[in-house]
Amino acid sequence: MTDYGMLLHAYGRALDTPAHLTALTGTDPDALHAAQQHLWGAIIHQGTPWTATPPAALAVAALLGDVPDPAVRANLLNFLTAVAHAAQPGLDLTGFVEPPDADARIAAALEADDDETIYGELGDTVYARAIAGCRSVVPALLATARAALADADATVRAAAAATIAACAAALPPGTASPAEALTARAADAAAADADERAALVLAMGDLGLSPRAFLSDPHPGVRACAALAPALADDEAATEEILTALANPAAIDTWFTVKPPQFPQRVRFPLIAAAVARVPDPSRLLEAALALAPIASIHTARSDWGVLLKALPPEQRAAYLRALAANEDLWDPGNGSAGLVFREAGLAYERTAYL
């Protein structure tokens, strides 16, 4: 039995966590909503794990099959994906040594609500324990996700594919890859809807597989997701597929009914990043840049149109700058991100200079 009173989430002792976990399999819509908010806001707060995160994730994994609403099941799998990412497999903890009396000091500090000790003197210990705990539960999360690949709902299966890929990245060295499970599901992808196929293809790419066969998929979103696979980074057909998609950025927003969970923001952002990274001749980006300019938002300067502005060679910028100037929504002297993009490109953030 987990003593959540001796564990922390983002807002202090996790005394409220058991009730929220119980609510996940209940029928009270308000309690169910609050429980999901608790997971995303307290148990894994903006990607940061706490000592309550590992046992809560195990509890979610164990009860997933008892959650009646498929939308909630998918959201819970996305939560498990976030926990797997929080395991931070690239972070070396081998050199970290806990104080010998860490257990007693943490318990005393929790009982005394001594935040200075918990988050100050023992902050590194608490954080290291949270990460190590996330790593320890990854195999159990993976087992749940693999089982969810057989869920009756396509959105749940798509979320499961993303969870599998995230868990695979956090597995201990030498552990067998779960690629086989995704490959088997992808073999049935022709019968799946495009949203699920896209999530499967992205997960395959994250596992280091080459989903090249999906470059000929009938759905443009699936083709683009296949093209994003790191294993196809040097494949000209994949690069061309990305550029073709970016030539009509407005259409990208219509590709999916439910976006693959691997895309927390706009789908075009990773496509633009991949195009900039892969295209050896940046002048090939101009068509995508000109297509994006009329629909761009000032709030996405660092993710799309600004990325292209900095990538284009100087001789290609004049036409793009005129197109950006025609979009009056991109010009606000008070917007620091937009102004910074122009400064980084060595340009003045003055609309009248480009009209």
Protein backbone atom coordinates (compact mmCIF):
# COMPACT_ATOMS: atom_id res chain seq x y z
CA MET A 1 0.00 0.00 0.00
CA THR A 2 1.50 3.31 -1.08
CA ASP A 3 1.70 5.96 1.64
CA TYR A 4 1.06 9.04 -0.49
CA GLY A 5 1.34 11.21 2.60
CA MET A 6 5.09 10.55 2.47
CA LEU A 7 5.32 11.48 -1.22
CA LEU A 8 5.34 14.78 -3.05
CA HIS A 9 3.61 16.18 -6.10
CA ALA A 10 3.94 19.67 -7.54
CA TYR A 11 1.80 21.24 -4.81
CA GLY A 12 3.11 19.46 -1.74
CA ARG A 13 2.29 16.19 -0.02
CA ALA A 14 0.27 13.87 -2.25
CA LEU A 15 -2.48 13.25 0.29
CA ASP A 16 -5.17 14.03 -2.30
CA THR A 17 -3.83 11.67 -4.95
CA PRO A 18 -5.56 8.39 -3.87
CA ALA A 19 -9.03 9.94 -4.14
CA HIS A 20 -8.26 11.23 -7.63
CA LEU A 21 -6.98 7.82 -8.72
CA THR A 22 -10.17 6.19 -7.46
CA ALA A 23 -12.26 8.72 -9.39
CA LEU A 24 -10.71 7.64 -12.70
CA THR A 25 -12.87 4.51 -12.83
CA GLY A 26 -15.97 6.22 -11.47
CA THR A 27 -18.96 7.81 -13.18
CA ASP A 28 -18.90 11.30 -11.65
CA PRO A 29 -17.93 13.57 -14.58
CA ASP A 30 -16.69 16.39 -12.35
CA ALA A 31 -14.53 14.05 -10.27
CA LEU A 32 -13.22 12.40 -13.43
CA HIS A 33 -12.26 15.75 -14.90
CA ALA A 34 -10.59 16.83 -11.67
CA ALA A 35 -8.67 13.57 -11.50
CA GLN A 36 -7.21 14.05 -14.97
CA GLN A 37 -6.29 17.63 -14.16
CA HIS A 38 -4.57 16.36 -11.02
CA LEU A 39 -2.44 13.94 -13.02
CA TRP A 40 -1.36 16.59 -15.51
CA GLY A 41 -1.08 19.49 -13.11
CA ALA A 42 0.30 17.93 -9.92
CA ILE A 43 1.64 14.43 -10.61
CA ILE A 44 3.55 15.44 -13.75
CA HIS A 45 3.79 19.21 -13.76
CA GLN A 46 4.97 20.63 -17.09
CA GLY A 47 7.08 17.53 -17.61
CA THR A 48 8.60 17.51 -14.12
CA PRO A 49 8.19 14.32 -12.07
CA TRP A 50 7.83 14.10 -8.31
CA THR A 51 8.16 11.24 -5.87
CA ALA A 52 4.42 10.60 -6.18
CA THR A 53 4.73 10.26 -9.96
CA PRO A 54 6.00 6.64 -10.22
CA PRO A 55 3.40 5.00 -7.94
CA ALA A 56 0.61 7.11 -9.44
CA ALA A 57 1.69 6.04 -12.92
CA LEU A 58 1.67 2.39 -11.84
CA ALA A 59 -1.84 2.86 -10.47
CA VAL A 60 -3.02 4.45 -13.72
CA ALA A 61 -1.46 1.63 -15.74
CA ALA A 62 -3.21 -0.97 -13.59
CA LEU A 63 -6.66 0.59 -13.83
CA LEU A 64 -6.58 1.67 -17.48
CA GLY A 65 -8.65 -1.27 -18.68
CA ASP A 66 -11.40 -0.43 -16.18
CA VAL A 67 -11.90 3.13 -17.50
CA PRO A 68 -15.08 3.09 -19.60
CA ASP A 69 -14.57 6.28 -21.62
CA PRO A 70 -12.13 5.78 -24.54
CA ALA A 71 -11.25 9.48 -24.58
CA VAL A 72 -10.15 9.20 -20.95
CA ARG A 73 -8.21 6.01 -21.67
CA ALA A 74 -6.35 7.83 -24.44
CA ASN A 75 -5.61 10.76 -22.15
CA LEU A 76 -4.30 8.41 -19.47
CA LEU A 77 -1.98 6.78 -21.99
CA ASN A 78 -0.74 10.24 -22.94
CA PHE A 79 -0.05 10.78 -19.24
CA LEU A 80 1.96 7.55 -19.14
CA THR A 81 3.89 8.81 -22.17
CA ALA A 82 4.77 11.95 -20.22
CA VAL A 83 5.96 9.82 -17.30
CA ALA A 84 8.19 7.80 -19.64
CA HIS A 85 9.66 11.03 -21.02
CA ALA A 86 10.23 12.23 -17.45
CA ALA A 87 12.49 9.23 -16.88
CA GLN A 88 15.09 11.22 -18.87
CA PRO A 89 17.16 8.28 -20.12
CA GLY A 90 19.91 10.64 -21.24
CA LEU A 91 20.47 11.96 -17.71
CA ASP A 92 23.30 10.19 -15.87
CA LEU A 93 22.40 9.57 -12.22
CA THR A 94 25.27 7.22 -11.47
CA GLY A 95 27.36 9.96 -9.86
CA PHE A 96 24.60 11.14 -7.53
CA VAL A 97 24.88 9.96 -3.93
CA GLU A 98 22.06 10.52 -1.46
CA PRO A 99 22.79 11.70 2.07
CA PRO A 100 22.92 8.61 4.32
CA ASP A 101 20.01 9.86 6.44
CA ALA A 102 17.87 10.99 3.48
CA ASP A 103 14.84 8.83 4.35
CA ALA A 104 14.59 10.08 7.91
CA ARG A 105 15.21 13.70 6.94
CA ILE A 106 12.61 13.63 4.16
CA ALA A 107 10.03 12.03 6.45
CA ALA A 108 10.69 14.57 9.21
CA ALA A 109 10.52 17.47 6.77
CA LEU A 110 7.24 16.25 5.31
CA GLU A 111 5.69 15.84 8.74
CA ALA A 112 6.83 19.35 9.67
CA ASP A 113 5.86 20.91 6.32
CA ASP A 114 9.46 22.08 6.14
CA ASP A 115 9.63 23.28 2.54
CA GLU A 116 13.09 24.78 2.98
CA THR A 117 14.58 21.37 3.71
CA ILE A 118 12.50 19.46 1.14
CA TYR A 119 13.07 21.79 -1.79
CA GLY A 120 16.39 23.22 -0.69
CA GLU A 121 18.77 20.92 1.17
CA LEU A 122 17.11 17.73 -0.10
CA GLY A 123 15.86 19.03 -3.44
CA ASP A 124 18.41 17.11 -5.51
CA THR A 125 17.62 13.90 -3.65
CA VAL A 126 13.88 14.30 -4.17
CA TYR A 127 14.36 15.01 -7.88
CA ALA A 128 16.76 12.10 -8.39
CA ARG A 129 14.35 9.76 -6.63
CA ALA A 130 11.51 10.93 -8.86
CA ILE A 131 13.49 10.28 -12.04
CA ALA A 132 14.82 6.93 -10.85
CA GLY A 133 11.29 5.95 -9.85
CA CYS A 134 9.97 6.81 -13.30
CA ARG A 135 12.66 4.64 -14.85
CA SER A 136 11.75 1.73 -12.60
CA VAL A 137 8.08 1.72 -13.64
CA VAL A 138 8.66 2.03 -17.40
CA PRO A 139 8.46 -1.75 -18.05
CA ALA A 140 5.02 -1.87 -16.40
CA LEU A 141 3.84 1.15 -18.38
CA LEU A 142 5.08 -0.50 -21.56
CA ALA A 143 3.12 -3.67 -20.80
CA THR A 144 -0.06 -1.64 -20.37
CA ALA A 145 0.55 0.24 -23.61
CA ARG A 146 1.18 -2.96 -25.55
CA ALA A 147 -2.11 -4.36 -24.30
CA ALA A 148 -3.86 -1.12 -25.31
CA LEU A 149 -2.77 -1.66 -28.93
CA ALA A 150 -5.69 -4.10 -29.05
CA ASP A 151 -8.20 -1.59 -27.65
CA ALA A 152 -11.48 -1.31 -29.53
CA ASP A 153 -11.02 2.44 -29.99
CA ALA A 154 -8.64 3.83 -32.63
CA THR A 155 -7.76 6.92 -30.58
CA VAL A 156 -6.70 4.71 -27.69
CA ARG A 157 -4.60 2.56 -30.01
CA ALA A 158 -2.92 5.67 -31.40
CA ALA A 159 -2.11 6.88 -27.90
CA ALA A 160 -0.76 3.44 -27.04
CA ALA A 161 1.64 3.57 -29.99
CA ALA A 162 3.10 6.84 -28.75
CA THR A 163 3.42 5.45 -25.21
CA ILE A 164 5.26 2.38 -26.50
CA ALA A 165 7.81 4.53 -28.31
CA ALA A 166 8.34 6.75 -25.27
CA CYS A 167 8.80 3.74 -23.00
CA ALA A 168 11.23 2.13 -25.43
CA ALA A 169 13.52 5.15 -25.17
CA ALA A 170 13.59 4.81 -21.37
CA LEU A 171 14.12 1.04 -21.11
CA PRO A 172 17.33 -0.20 -19.49
CA PRO A 173 20.16 -1.00 -21.93
CA GLY A 174 19.92 -4.49 -23.35
CA THR A 175 16.14 -4.70 -22.99
CA ALA A 176 14.34 -6.12 -26.00
CA SER A 177 12.78 -3.46 -28.20
CA PRO A 178 8.97 -3.38 -28.44
CA ALA A 179 9.24 -2.62 -32.16
CA GLU A 180 7.70 -5.99 -32.99
CA ALA A 181 4.38 -5.02 -31.44
CA LEU A 182 4.17 -1.82 -33.46
CA THR A 183 5.26 -3.54 -36.66
CA ALA A 184 2.53 -6.14 -36.20
CA ARG A 185 -0.11 -3.47 -35.69
CA ALA A 186 1.22 -1.49 -38.65
CA ALA A 187 0.73 -4.56 -40.82
CA ASP A 188 -3.01 -4.05 -40.28
CA ALA A 189 -2.71 -0.29 -40.83
CA ALA A 190 -4.49 -0.36 -44.17
CA ALA A 191 -7.67 -1.15 -42.27
CA ALA A 192 -7.01 1.50 -39.62
CA ASP A 193 -8.07 5.11 -39.91
CA ALA A 194 -5.54 7.74 -40.94
CA ASP A 195 -5.21 9.18 -37.44
CA GLU A 196 -4.12 5.81 -36.06
CA ARG A 197 -1.84 5.06 -39.01
CA ALA A 198 -0.08 8.38 -38.52
CA ALA A 199 0.53 7.70 -34.82
CA LEU A 200 1.82 4.22 -35.61
CA VAL A 201 4.17 5.52 -38.28
CA LEU A 202 5.52 8.23 -35.97
CA ALA A 203 6.10 5.65 -33.25
CA MET A 204 7.91 3.40 -35.70
CA GLY A 205 10.16 6.30 -36.61
CA ASP A 206 10.86 7.02 -32.95
CA LEU A 207 11.94 3.40 -32.53
CA GLY A 208 14.49 3.80 -35.29
CA LEU A 209 12.49 1.88 -37.88
CA SER A 210 12.18 2.98 -41.49
CA PRO A 211 8.49 3.30 -42.41
CA ARG A 212 9.36 3.97 -46.04
CA ALA A 213 6.42 1.94 -47.35
CA PHE A 214 4.10 4.56 -45.89
CA LEU A 215 5.51 7.26 -48.16
CA SER A 216 3.00 5.93 -50.68
CA ASP A 217 0.07 5.90 -48.25
CA PRO A 218 -3.13 7.41 -49.73
CA HIS A 219 -3.36 9.93 -46.88
CA PRO A 220 -1.05 12.99 -47.03
CA GLY A 221 -0.75 13.17 -43.26
CA VAL A 222 0.42 9.59 -43.00
CA ARG A 223 2.93 10.15 -45.79
CA ALA A 224 4.30 13.21 -44.00
CA CYS A 225 4.55 11.36 -40.70
CA ALA A 226 6.48 8.58 -42.40
CA ALA A 227 8.79 11.17 -43.94
CA LEU A 228 9.63 12.53 -40.49
CA ALA A 229 11.27 9.26 -39.42
CA PRO A 230 14.92 9.87 -38.50
CA ALA A 231 15.86 6.78 -40.50
CA LEU A 232 14.62 8.60 -43.62
CA ALA A 233 16.48 11.83 -42.95
CA ASP A 234 18.70 11.29 -46.00
CA ASP A 235 15.93 9.94 -48.21
CA GLU A 236 15.12 12.40 -51.01
CA ALA A 237 11.62 11.00 -51.45
CA ALA A 238 10.89 11.66 -47.78
CA THR A 239 12.27 15.19 -48.01
CA GLU A 240 10.20 15.86 -51.10
CA GLU A 241 7.09 14.62 -49.29
CA ILE A 242 7.72 17.11 -46.49
CA LEU A 243 8.20 19.99 -48.93
CA THR A 244 5.05 18.98 -50.82
CA ALA A 245 3.06 19.07 -47.59
CA LEU A 246 4.45 22.48 -46.61
CA ALA A 247 3.49 23.93 -49.99
CA ASN A 248 -0.11 23.85 -48.70
CA PRO A 249 0.15 24.59 -44.96
CA ALA A 250 -3.55 25.35 -44.57
CA ALA A 251 -4.37 21.80 -45.62
CA ILE A 252 -2.11 20.39 -42.91
CA ASP A 253 -4.54 21.63 -40.27
CA THR A 254 -7.30 19.52 -41.85
CA TRP A 255 -5.41 16.23 -42.03
CA PHE A 256 -6.51 14.65 -38.77
CA THR A 257 -9.75 14.40 -36.83
CA VAL A 258 -7.67 13.64 -33.72
CA LYS A 259 -4.03 14.65 -34.04
CA PRO A 260 -1.46 11.97 -33.29
CA PRO A 261 -0.41 12.41 -29.66
CA GLN A 262 3.18 12.97 -30.80
CA PHE A 263 2.07 16.42 -32.01
CA PRO A 264 1.31 18.51 -28.91
CA GLN A 265 1.25 21.63 -31.10
CA ARG A 266 0.65 22.33 -34.78
CA VAL A 267 1.59 19.52 -37.12
CA ARG A 268 3.50 21.86 -39.42
CA PHE A 269 6.07 22.76 -36.73
CA PRO A 270 8.06 19.50 -36.89
CA LEU A 271 7.65 19.42 -40.66
CA ILE A 272 9.28 22.84 -40.96
CA ALA A 273 12.05 21.85 -38.55
CA ALA A 274 12.73 18.71 -40.58
CA ALA A 275 12.75 20.60 -43.88
CA VAL A 276 15.24 23.16 -42.59
CA ALA A 277 17.47 20.41 -41.17
CA ARG A 278 17.39 18.18 -44.24
CA VAL A 279 17.31 20.40 -47.32
CA PRO A 280 20.86 21.15 -48.45
CA ASP A 281 19.73 23.98 -50.74
CA PRO A 282 17.72 26.40 -48.58
CA SER A 283 16.29 28.09 -51.66
CA ARG A 284 14.00 25.05 -51.91
CA LEU A 285 12.26 26.35 -48.78
CA LEU A 286 10.95 29.49 -50.49
CA GLU A 287 7.75 27.90 -51.83
CA ALA A 288 6.84 26.70 -48.34
CA ALA A 289 7.69 30.09 -46.85
CA LEU A 290 5.53 32.00 -49.34
CA ALA A 291 2.62 29.61 -48.78
CA LEU A 292 2.85 30.02 -45.01
CA ALA A 293 3.17 33.81 -44.86
CA PRO A 294 -0.54 34.69 -45.42
CA ILE A 295 -1.79 32.35 -42.67
CA ALA A 296 1.05 32.76 -40.16
CA SER A 297 0.47 34.01 -36.63
CA ILE A 298 2.65 36.35 -34.63
CA HIS A 299 2.48 33.84 -31.78
CA THR A 300 4.30 31.15 -33.77
CA ALA A 301 7.35 33.18 -34.80
CA ARG A 302 9.75 30.79 -33.09
CA SER A 303 8.12 27.67 -34.52
CA ASP A 304 7.32 28.28 -38.18
CA TRP A 305 7.57 31.51 -40.18
CA GLY A 306 10.53 32.83 -38.20
CA VAL A 307 12.36 29.53 -38.60
CA LEU A 308 11.99 29.83 -42.37
CA LEU A 309 13.06 33.47 -42.37
CA LYS A 310 16.35 32.61 -40.70
CA ALA A 311 16.89 29.58 -42.93
CA LEU A 312 16.40 31.33 -46.26
CA PRO A 313 19.53 32.73 -47.94
CA PRO A 314 19.64 36.54 -48.22
CA GLU A 315 18.93 36.52 -51.95
CA GLN A 316 15.69 34.60 -51.33
CA ARG A 317 14.39 36.79 -48.53
CA ALA A 318 13.02 39.76 -50.45
CA ALA A 319 9.94 37.94 -51.78
CA TYR A 320 9.32 36.32 -48.41
CA LEU A 321 9.63 39.61 -46.53
CA ARG A 322 7.08 41.20 -48.86
CA ALA A 323 4.74 38.31 -48.16
CA LEU A 324 5.24 38.66 -44.42
CA ALA A 325 4.67 42.42 -44.63
CA ALA A 326 1.34 41.78 -46.36
CA ASN A 327 0.17 39.91 -43.26
CA GLU A 328 -0.53 42.74 -40.86
CA ASP A 329 -1.07 40.33 -37.96
CA LEU A 330 2.67 39.62 -37.79
CA TRP A 331 3.68 43.12 -36.80
CA ASP A 332 3.50 44.24 -33.19
CA PRO A 333 6.41 46.19 -31.67
CA GLY A 334 5.46 44.78 -28.28
CA ASN A 335 5.93 41.17 -29.35
CA GLY A 336 9.39 40.16 -28.25
CA SER A 337 9.48 36.81 -30.07
CA ALA A 338 8.77 38.32 -33.48
CA GLY A 339 11.29 41.10 -32.96
CA LEU A 340 13.92 38.59 -31.80
CA VAL A 341 13.46 36.46 -34.92
CA PHE A 342 14.20 39.46 -37.11
CA ARG A 343 17.22 40.47 -35.05
CA GLU A 344 18.60 36.92 -35.24
CA ALA A 345 18.20 37.11 -39.01
CA GLY A 346 20.06 40.44 -39.07
CA LEU A 347 16.95 42.34 -40.14
CA ALA A 348 14.94 45.26 -38.83
CA TYR A 349 11.51 44.49 -37.43
CA GLU A 350 9.90 47.29 -39.45
CA ARG A 351 6.93 46.42 -41.62
CA THR A 352 7.21 49.50 -43.80
CA ALA A 353 10.72 48.46 -44.86
CA TYR A 354 9.34 45.47 -46.74
CA LEU A 355 6.05 46.69 -48.22
